[in-house]
């Protein structure tokens, strides 16, 4: 009976861990979606800025516009790398979540066998 109680506690702990991982996964997905929208907006703003600069400035200012573009591309690349990192973390969390679910299933099956 004590072993059954211990297994039930373990199952409850695993359920809590799964809930936490589910919440973390959801937050990461929301962050990725938000960052993706921000990246798209930044790309559109960059495109608009570069177009305005190229058409409204003289040839002497074209060099400055290229520097701005290069800096914005570096920002975009950095943000993309961060987004990829978040995706990797999300995948790892998802893997942990699946593993925890599998462990909980095993615990439940063992618990059922003991009953």
N, C-alpha and C. Protein backbone atom coordinates (compact mmCIF):
# COMPACT_ATOMS: atom_id res chain seq x y z
N UNK A 1 0.83 -1.20 0.00
CA UNK A 1 0.00 0.00 0.00
C UNK A 1 0.87 1.26 0.00
N UNK A 2 1.98 1.23 0.73
CA UNK A 2 2.91 2.37 0.76
C UNK A 2 3.53 2.55 -0.63
N UNK A 3 3.85 1.43 -1.26
CA UNK A 3 4.43 1.51 -2.60
C UNK A 3 3.42 2.12 -3.59
N UNK A 4 2.17 1.75 -3.43
CA UNK A 4 1.12 2.30 -4.29
C UNK A 4 1.00 3.80 -4.07
N UNK A 5 1.06 4.23 -2.78
CA UNK A 5 1.00 5.67 -2.47
C UNK A 5 2.19 6.40 -3.10
N UNK A 6 3.36 5.79 -2.99
CA UNK A 6 4.57 6.40 -3.56
C UNK A 6 4.43 6.52 -5.07
N UNK A 7 3.91 5.48 -5.70
CA UNK A 7 3.73 5.53 -7.15
C UNK A 7 2.69 6.58 -7.53
N UNK A 8 1.65 6.72 -6.73
CA UNK A 8 0.65 7.75 -7.01
C UNK A 8 1.26 9.14 -6.87
N UNK A 9 2.13 9.30 -5.86
CA UNK A 9 2.82 10.59 -5.70
C UNK A 9 3.69 10.86 -6.91
N UNK A 10 4.39 9.83 -7.37
CA UNK A 10 5.24 9.98 -8.55
C UNK A 10 4.41 10.35 -9.78
N UNK A 11 3.27 9.72 -9.92
CA UNK A 11 2.38 10.02 -11.04
C UNK A 11 1.90 11.47 -10.93
N UNK A 12 1.51 11.88 -9.71
CA UNK A 12 1.07 13.26 -9.52
C UNK A 12 2.20 14.23 -9.83
N UNK A 13 3.41 13.91 -9.40
CA UNK A 13 4.56 14.77 -9.70
C UNK A 13 4.80 14.85 -11.20
N UNK A 14 4.70 13.71 -11.87
CA UNK A 14 4.88 13.71 -13.33
C UNK A 14 3.78 14.53 -14.01
N UNK A 15 2.58 14.44 -13.51
CA UNK A 15 1.48 15.25 -14.09
C UNK A 15 1.77 16.73 -13.92
N UNK A 16 2.27 17.11 -12.73
CA UNK A 16 2.62 18.52 -12.51
C UNK A 16 3.73 18.95 -13.45
N UNK A 17 4.73 18.08 -13.60
CA UNK A 17 5.83 18.40 -14.51
C UNK A 17 5.32 18.55 -15.95
N UNK A 18 4.42 17.69 -16.34
CA UNK A 18 3.85 17.77 -17.69
C UNK A 18 3.08 19.08 -17.85
N UNK A 19 2.31 19.45 -16.83
CA UNK A 19 1.58 20.72 -16.89
C UNK A 19 2.54 21.89 -17.04
N UNK A 20 3.64 21.84 -16.27
CA UNK A 20 4.63 22.91 -16.36
C UNK A 20 5.25 22.95 -17.75
N UNK A 21 5.61 21.77 -18.28
CA UNK A 21 6.21 21.71 -19.61
C UNK A 21 5.22 22.15 -20.68
N UNK A 22 3.95 21.78 -20.52
CA UNK A 22 2.92 22.24 -21.47
C UNK A 22 2.85 23.76 -21.46
N UNK A 23 2.86 24.34 -20.27
CA UNK A 23 2.80 25.80 -20.15
C UNK A 23 4.02 26.45 -20.77
N UNK A 24 5.19 25.87 -20.52
CA UNK A 24 6.42 26.42 -21.08
C UNK A 24 6.41 26.32 -22.60
N UNK A 25 5.96 25.18 -23.09
CA UNK A 25 5.89 24.99 -24.55
C UNK A 25 4.95 26.02 -25.17
N UNK A 26 3.81 26.25 -24.52
CA UNK A 26 2.85 27.22 -25.03
C UNK A 26 3.46 28.62 -25.06
N UNK A 27 4.16 28.99 -23.97
CA UNK A 27 4.79 30.31 -23.91
C UNK A 27 5.85 30.46 -25.00
N UNK A 28 6.63 29.41 -25.20
CA UNK A 28 7.67 29.47 -26.24
C UNK A 28 7.05 29.59 -27.63
N UNK A 29 5.98 28.87 -27.85
CA UNK A 29 5.29 28.99 -29.15
C UNK A 29 4.78 30.41 -29.36
N UNK A 30 4.19 30.98 -28.30
CA UNK A 30 3.71 32.36 -28.40
C UNK A 30 4.86 33.32 -28.66
N UNK A 31 6.00 33.09 -27.99
CA UNK A 31 7.16 33.95 -28.21
C UNK A 31 7.66 33.83 -29.65
N UNK A 32 7.69 32.59 -30.17
CA UNK A 32 8.12 32.38 -31.55
C UNK A 32 7.19 33.06 -32.54
N UNK A 33 5.89 32.96 -32.29
CA UNK A 33 4.93 33.61 -33.18
C UNK A 33 5.10 35.12 -33.14
N UNK A 34 5.26 35.65 -31.92
CA UNK A 34 5.45 37.09 -31.77
C UNK A 34 6.74 37.54 -32.45
N UNK A 35 7.82 36.79 -32.23
CA UNK A 35 9.08 37.16 -32.83
C UNK A 35 9.01 37.04 -34.36
N UNK A 36 8.30 36.03 -34.84
CA UNK A 36 8.14 35.90 -36.29
C UNK A 36 7.41 37.10 -36.88
N UNK A 37 6.36 37.55 -36.19
CA UNK A 37 5.63 38.74 -36.66
C UNK A 37 6.52 39.97 -36.60
N UNK A 38 7.32 40.08 -35.54
CA UNK A 38 8.23 41.22 -35.41
C UNK A 38 9.29 41.18 -36.51
N UNK A 39 9.79 39.98 -36.83
CA UNK A 39 10.77 39.85 -37.90
C UNK A 39 10.18 40.25 -39.25
N UNK A 40 8.95 39.83 -39.49
CA UNK A 40 8.30 40.19 -40.75
C UNK A 40 8.09 41.70 -40.82
N UNK A 41 7.65 42.28 -39.72
CA UNK A 41 7.45 43.73 -39.68
C UNK A 41 8.78 44.47 -39.90
N UNK A 42 9.83 44.00 -39.24
CA UNK A 42 11.16 44.61 -39.41
C UNK A 42 11.63 44.50 -40.85
N UNK A 43 11.37 43.34 -41.46
CA UNK A 43 11.76 43.16 -42.87
C UNK A 43 11.02 44.14 -43.76
N UNK A 44 9.70 44.27 -43.52
CA UNK A 44 8.91 45.21 -44.32
C UNK A 44 9.37 46.64 -44.10
N UNK A 45 9.64 47.00 -42.83
CA UNK A 45 10.12 48.35 -42.54
C UNK A 45 11.48 48.59 -43.18
N UNK A 46 12.34 47.57 -43.11
CA UNK A 46 13.65 47.69 -43.74
C UNK A 46 13.51 47.90 -45.24
N UNK A 47 12.67 47.11 -45.86
CA UNK A 47 12.45 47.25 -47.30
C UNK A 47 11.92 48.64 -47.64
N UNK A 48 10.92 49.10 -46.86
CA UNK A 48 10.36 50.44 -47.11
C UNK A 48 11.41 51.53 -46.90
N UNK A 49 12.19 51.40 -45.82
CA UNK A 49 13.22 52.40 -45.52
C UNK A 49 14.26 52.46 -46.62
N UNK A 50 14.71 51.28 -47.04
CA UNK A 50 15.74 51.24 -48.07
C UNK A 50 15.21 51.82 -49.39
N UNK A 51 13.97 51.48 -49.73
CA UNK A 51 13.40 52.03 -50.97
C UNK A 51 13.33 53.55 -50.92
N UNK A 52 12.82 54.08 -49.78
CA UNK A 52 12.73 55.54 -49.65
C UNK A 52 14.11 56.18 -49.74
N UNK A 53 15.07 55.59 -49.03
CA UNK A 53 16.42 56.15 -49.03
C UNK A 53 17.03 56.14 -50.43
N UNK A 54 16.87 55.01 -51.12
CA UNK A 54 17.49 54.89 -52.44
C UNK A 54 16.88 55.84 -53.46
N UNK A 55 15.57 56.07 -53.36
CA UNK A 55 14.91 56.92 -54.35
C UNK A 55 14.96 58.39 -53.99
N UNK A 56 15.12 58.73 -52.72
CA UNK A 56 15.04 60.14 -52.33
C UNK A 56 16.40 60.79 -52.13
N UNK A 57 17.44 60.03 -51.98
CA UNK A 57 18.76 60.61 -51.71
C UNK A 57 19.63 60.61 -52.96
N UNK A 58 20.61 61.45 -52.90
CA UNK A 58 21.56 61.55 -54.02
C UNK A 58 22.54 60.38 -53.97
N UNK A 59 23.34 60.24 -54.99
CA UNK A 59 24.28 59.13 -55.09
C UNK A 59 25.26 59.12 -53.92
N UNK A 60 25.59 60.28 -53.41
CA UNK A 60 26.52 60.34 -52.27
C UNK A 60 25.93 59.68 -51.03
N UNK A 61 24.61 59.72 -50.89
CA UNK A 61 23.94 59.11 -49.74
C UNK A 61 23.71 57.61 -49.92
N UNK A 62 23.93 57.10 -51.11
CA UNK A 62 23.70 55.68 -51.36
C UNK A 62 24.62 54.81 -50.48
N UNK A 63 25.84 55.28 -50.27
CA UNK A 63 26.77 54.54 -49.42
C UNK A 63 26.23 54.42 -48.00
N UNK A 64 25.66 55.52 -47.50
CA UNK A 64 25.08 55.51 -46.14
C UNK A 64 23.90 54.54 -46.07
N UNK A 65 23.09 54.53 -47.11
CA UNK A 65 21.94 53.62 -47.15
C UNK A 65 22.42 52.17 -47.15
N UNK A 66 23.50 51.89 -47.84
CA UNK A 66 24.03 50.52 -47.86
C UNK A 66 24.53 50.12 -46.47
N UNK A 67 25.14 51.05 -45.74
CA UNK A 67 25.58 50.75 -44.39
C UNK A 67 24.38 50.46 -43.48
N UNK A 68 23.34 51.27 -43.66
CA UNK A 68 22.11 51.05 -42.88
C UNK A 68 21.53 49.68 -43.19
N UNK A 69 21.46 49.36 -44.47
CA UNK A 69 20.95 48.05 -44.88
C UNK A 69 21.77 46.92 -44.27
N UNK A 70 23.09 47.07 -44.30
CA UNK A 70 23.96 46.04 -43.74
C UNK A 70 23.70 45.87 -42.24
N UNK A 71 23.55 46.97 -41.53
CA UNK A 71 23.28 46.90 -40.09
C UNK A 71 21.92 46.24 -39.84
N UNK A 72 20.93 46.61 -40.62
CA UNK A 72 19.60 46.02 -40.45
C UNK A 72 19.62 44.53 -40.80
N UNK A 73 20.38 44.17 -41.82
CA UNK A 73 20.50 42.75 -42.16
C UNK A 73 21.17 41.98 -41.03
N UNK A 74 22.16 42.60 -40.39
CA UNK A 74 22.81 41.96 -39.26
C UNK A 74 21.82 41.80 -38.10
N UNK A 75 21.00 42.82 -37.86
CA UNK A 75 19.97 42.72 -36.82
C UNK A 75 18.98 41.61 -37.16
N UNK A 76 18.58 41.57 -38.42
CA UNK A 76 17.64 40.54 -38.86
C UNK A 76 18.25 39.15 -38.69
N UNK A 77 19.51 39.01 -39.08
CA UNK A 77 20.20 37.73 -38.95
C UNK A 77 20.30 37.32 -37.48
N UNK A 78 20.62 38.28 -36.62
CA UNK A 78 20.72 37.99 -35.18
C UNK A 78 19.35 37.55 -34.65
N UNK A 79 18.30 38.26 -35.03
CA UNK A 79 16.95 37.90 -34.57
C UNK A 79 16.55 36.52 -35.10
N UNK A 80 16.96 36.23 -36.33
CA UNK A 80 16.65 34.92 -36.92
C UNK A 80 17.36 33.81 -36.16
N UNK A 81 18.61 34.06 -35.80
CA UNK A 81 19.38 33.08 -35.02
C UNK A 81 18.70 32.86 -33.67
N UNK A 82 18.26 33.95 -33.04
CA UNK A 82 17.56 33.83 -31.76
C UNK A 82 16.27 33.03 -31.92
N UNK A 83 15.55 33.28 -33.00
CA UNK A 83 14.32 32.53 -33.25
C UNK A 83 14.62 31.04 -33.45
N UNK A 84 15.69 30.75 -34.19
CA UNK A 84 16.09 29.35 -34.39
C UNK A 84 16.46 28.70 -33.06
N UNK A 85 17.14 29.46 -32.21
CA UNK A 85 17.51 28.96 -30.88
C UNK A 85 16.25 28.64 -30.08
N UNK A 86 15.28 29.55 -30.13
CA UNK A 86 14.02 29.31 -29.42
C UNK A 86 13.31 28.07 -29.98
N UNK A 87 13.35 27.90 -31.28
CA UNK A 87 12.74 26.71 -31.88
C UNK A 87 13.43 25.44 -31.38
N UNK A 88 14.76 25.49 -31.28
CA UNK A 88 15.51 24.33 -30.78
C UNK A 88 15.12 24.04 -29.34
N UNK A 89 15.02 25.10 -28.53
CA UNK A 89 14.64 24.92 -27.14
C UNK A 89 13.22 24.36 -27.04
N UNK A 90 12.34 24.85 -27.89
CA UNK A 90 10.97 24.35 -27.91
C UNK A 90 10.95 22.87 -28.28
N UNK A 91 11.75 22.49 -29.25
CA UNK A 91 11.81 21.07 -29.64
C UNK A 91 12.33 20.22 -28.49
N UNK A 92 13.34 20.72 -27.78
CA UNK A 92 13.88 19.98 -26.65
C UNK A 92 12.83 19.86 -25.54
N UNK A 93 12.12 20.94 -25.27
CA UNK A 93 11.07 20.89 -24.26
C UNK A 93 9.96 19.93 -24.68
N UNK A 94 9.65 19.96 -25.96
CA UNK A 94 8.62 19.05 -26.45
C UNK A 94 9.06 17.59 -26.26
N UNK A 95 10.34 17.34 -26.52
CA UNK A 95 10.88 15.99 -26.34
C UNK A 95 10.80 15.59 -24.86
N UNK A 96 11.15 16.53 -23.97
CA UNK A 96 11.05 16.26 -22.53
C UNK A 96 9.61 15.97 -22.14
N UNK A 97 8.71 16.76 -22.69
CA UNK A 97 7.29 16.58 -22.40
C UNK A 97 6.83 15.20 -22.83
N UNK A 98 7.20 14.79 -24.03
CA UNK A 98 6.81 13.47 -24.51
C UNK A 98 7.41 12.36 -23.64
N UNK A 99 8.65 12.58 -23.22
CA UNK A 99 9.32 11.60 -22.37
C UNK A 99 8.60 11.51 -21.01
N UNK A 100 8.24 12.68 -20.47
CA UNK A 100 7.54 12.70 -19.18
C UNK A 100 6.18 12.03 -19.31
N UNK A 101 5.50 12.27 -20.42
CA UNK A 101 4.21 11.62 -20.65
C UNK A 101 4.38 10.09 -20.72
N UNK A 102 5.44 9.65 -21.39
CA UNK A 102 5.69 8.22 -21.50
C UNK A 102 5.98 7.63 -20.13
N UNK A 103 6.78 8.34 -19.33
CA UNK A 103 7.08 7.86 -17.99
C UNK A 103 5.82 7.79 -17.14
N UNK A 104 4.97 8.81 -17.29
CA UNK A 104 3.72 8.80 -16.53
C UNK A 104 2.86 7.61 -16.96
N UNK A 105 2.83 7.34 -18.24
CA UNK A 105 2.06 6.19 -18.73
C UNK A 105 2.59 4.89 -18.15
N UNK A 106 3.91 4.78 -18.07
CA UNK A 106 4.49 3.58 -17.47
C UNK A 106 4.12 3.47 -15.99
N UNK A 107 4.19 4.60 -15.28
CA UNK A 107 3.84 4.61 -13.85
C UNK A 107 2.38 4.23 -13.65
N UNK A 108 1.53 4.77 -14.51
CA UNK A 108 0.10 4.46 -14.40
C UNK A 108 -0.12 2.97 -14.67
N UNK A 109 0.58 2.46 -15.67
CA UNK A 109 0.44 1.04 -15.99
C UNK A 109 0.93 0.17 -14.83
N UNK A 110 2.05 0.56 -14.21
CA UNK A 110 2.55 -0.19 -13.06
C UNK A 110 1.57 -0.09 -11.89
N UNK A 111 1.04 1.10 -11.71
CA UNK A 111 0.08 1.32 -10.64
C UNK A 111 -1.17 0.46 -10.85
N UNK A 112 -1.60 0.39 -12.10
CA UNK A 112 -2.78 -0.43 -12.42
C UNK A 112 -2.50 -1.91 -12.16
N UNK A 113 -1.28 -2.32 -12.45
CA UNK A 113 -0.93 -3.72 -12.23
C UNK A 113 -0.90 -4.07 -10.75
N UNK A 114 -0.50 -3.09 -9.92
CA UNK A 114 -0.44 -3.34 -8.49
C UNK A 114 -1.81 -3.38 -7.83
N UNK A 115 -2.76 -2.78 -8.50
CA UNK A 115 -4.11 -2.73 -7.89
C UNK A 115 -4.87 -4.01 -8.05
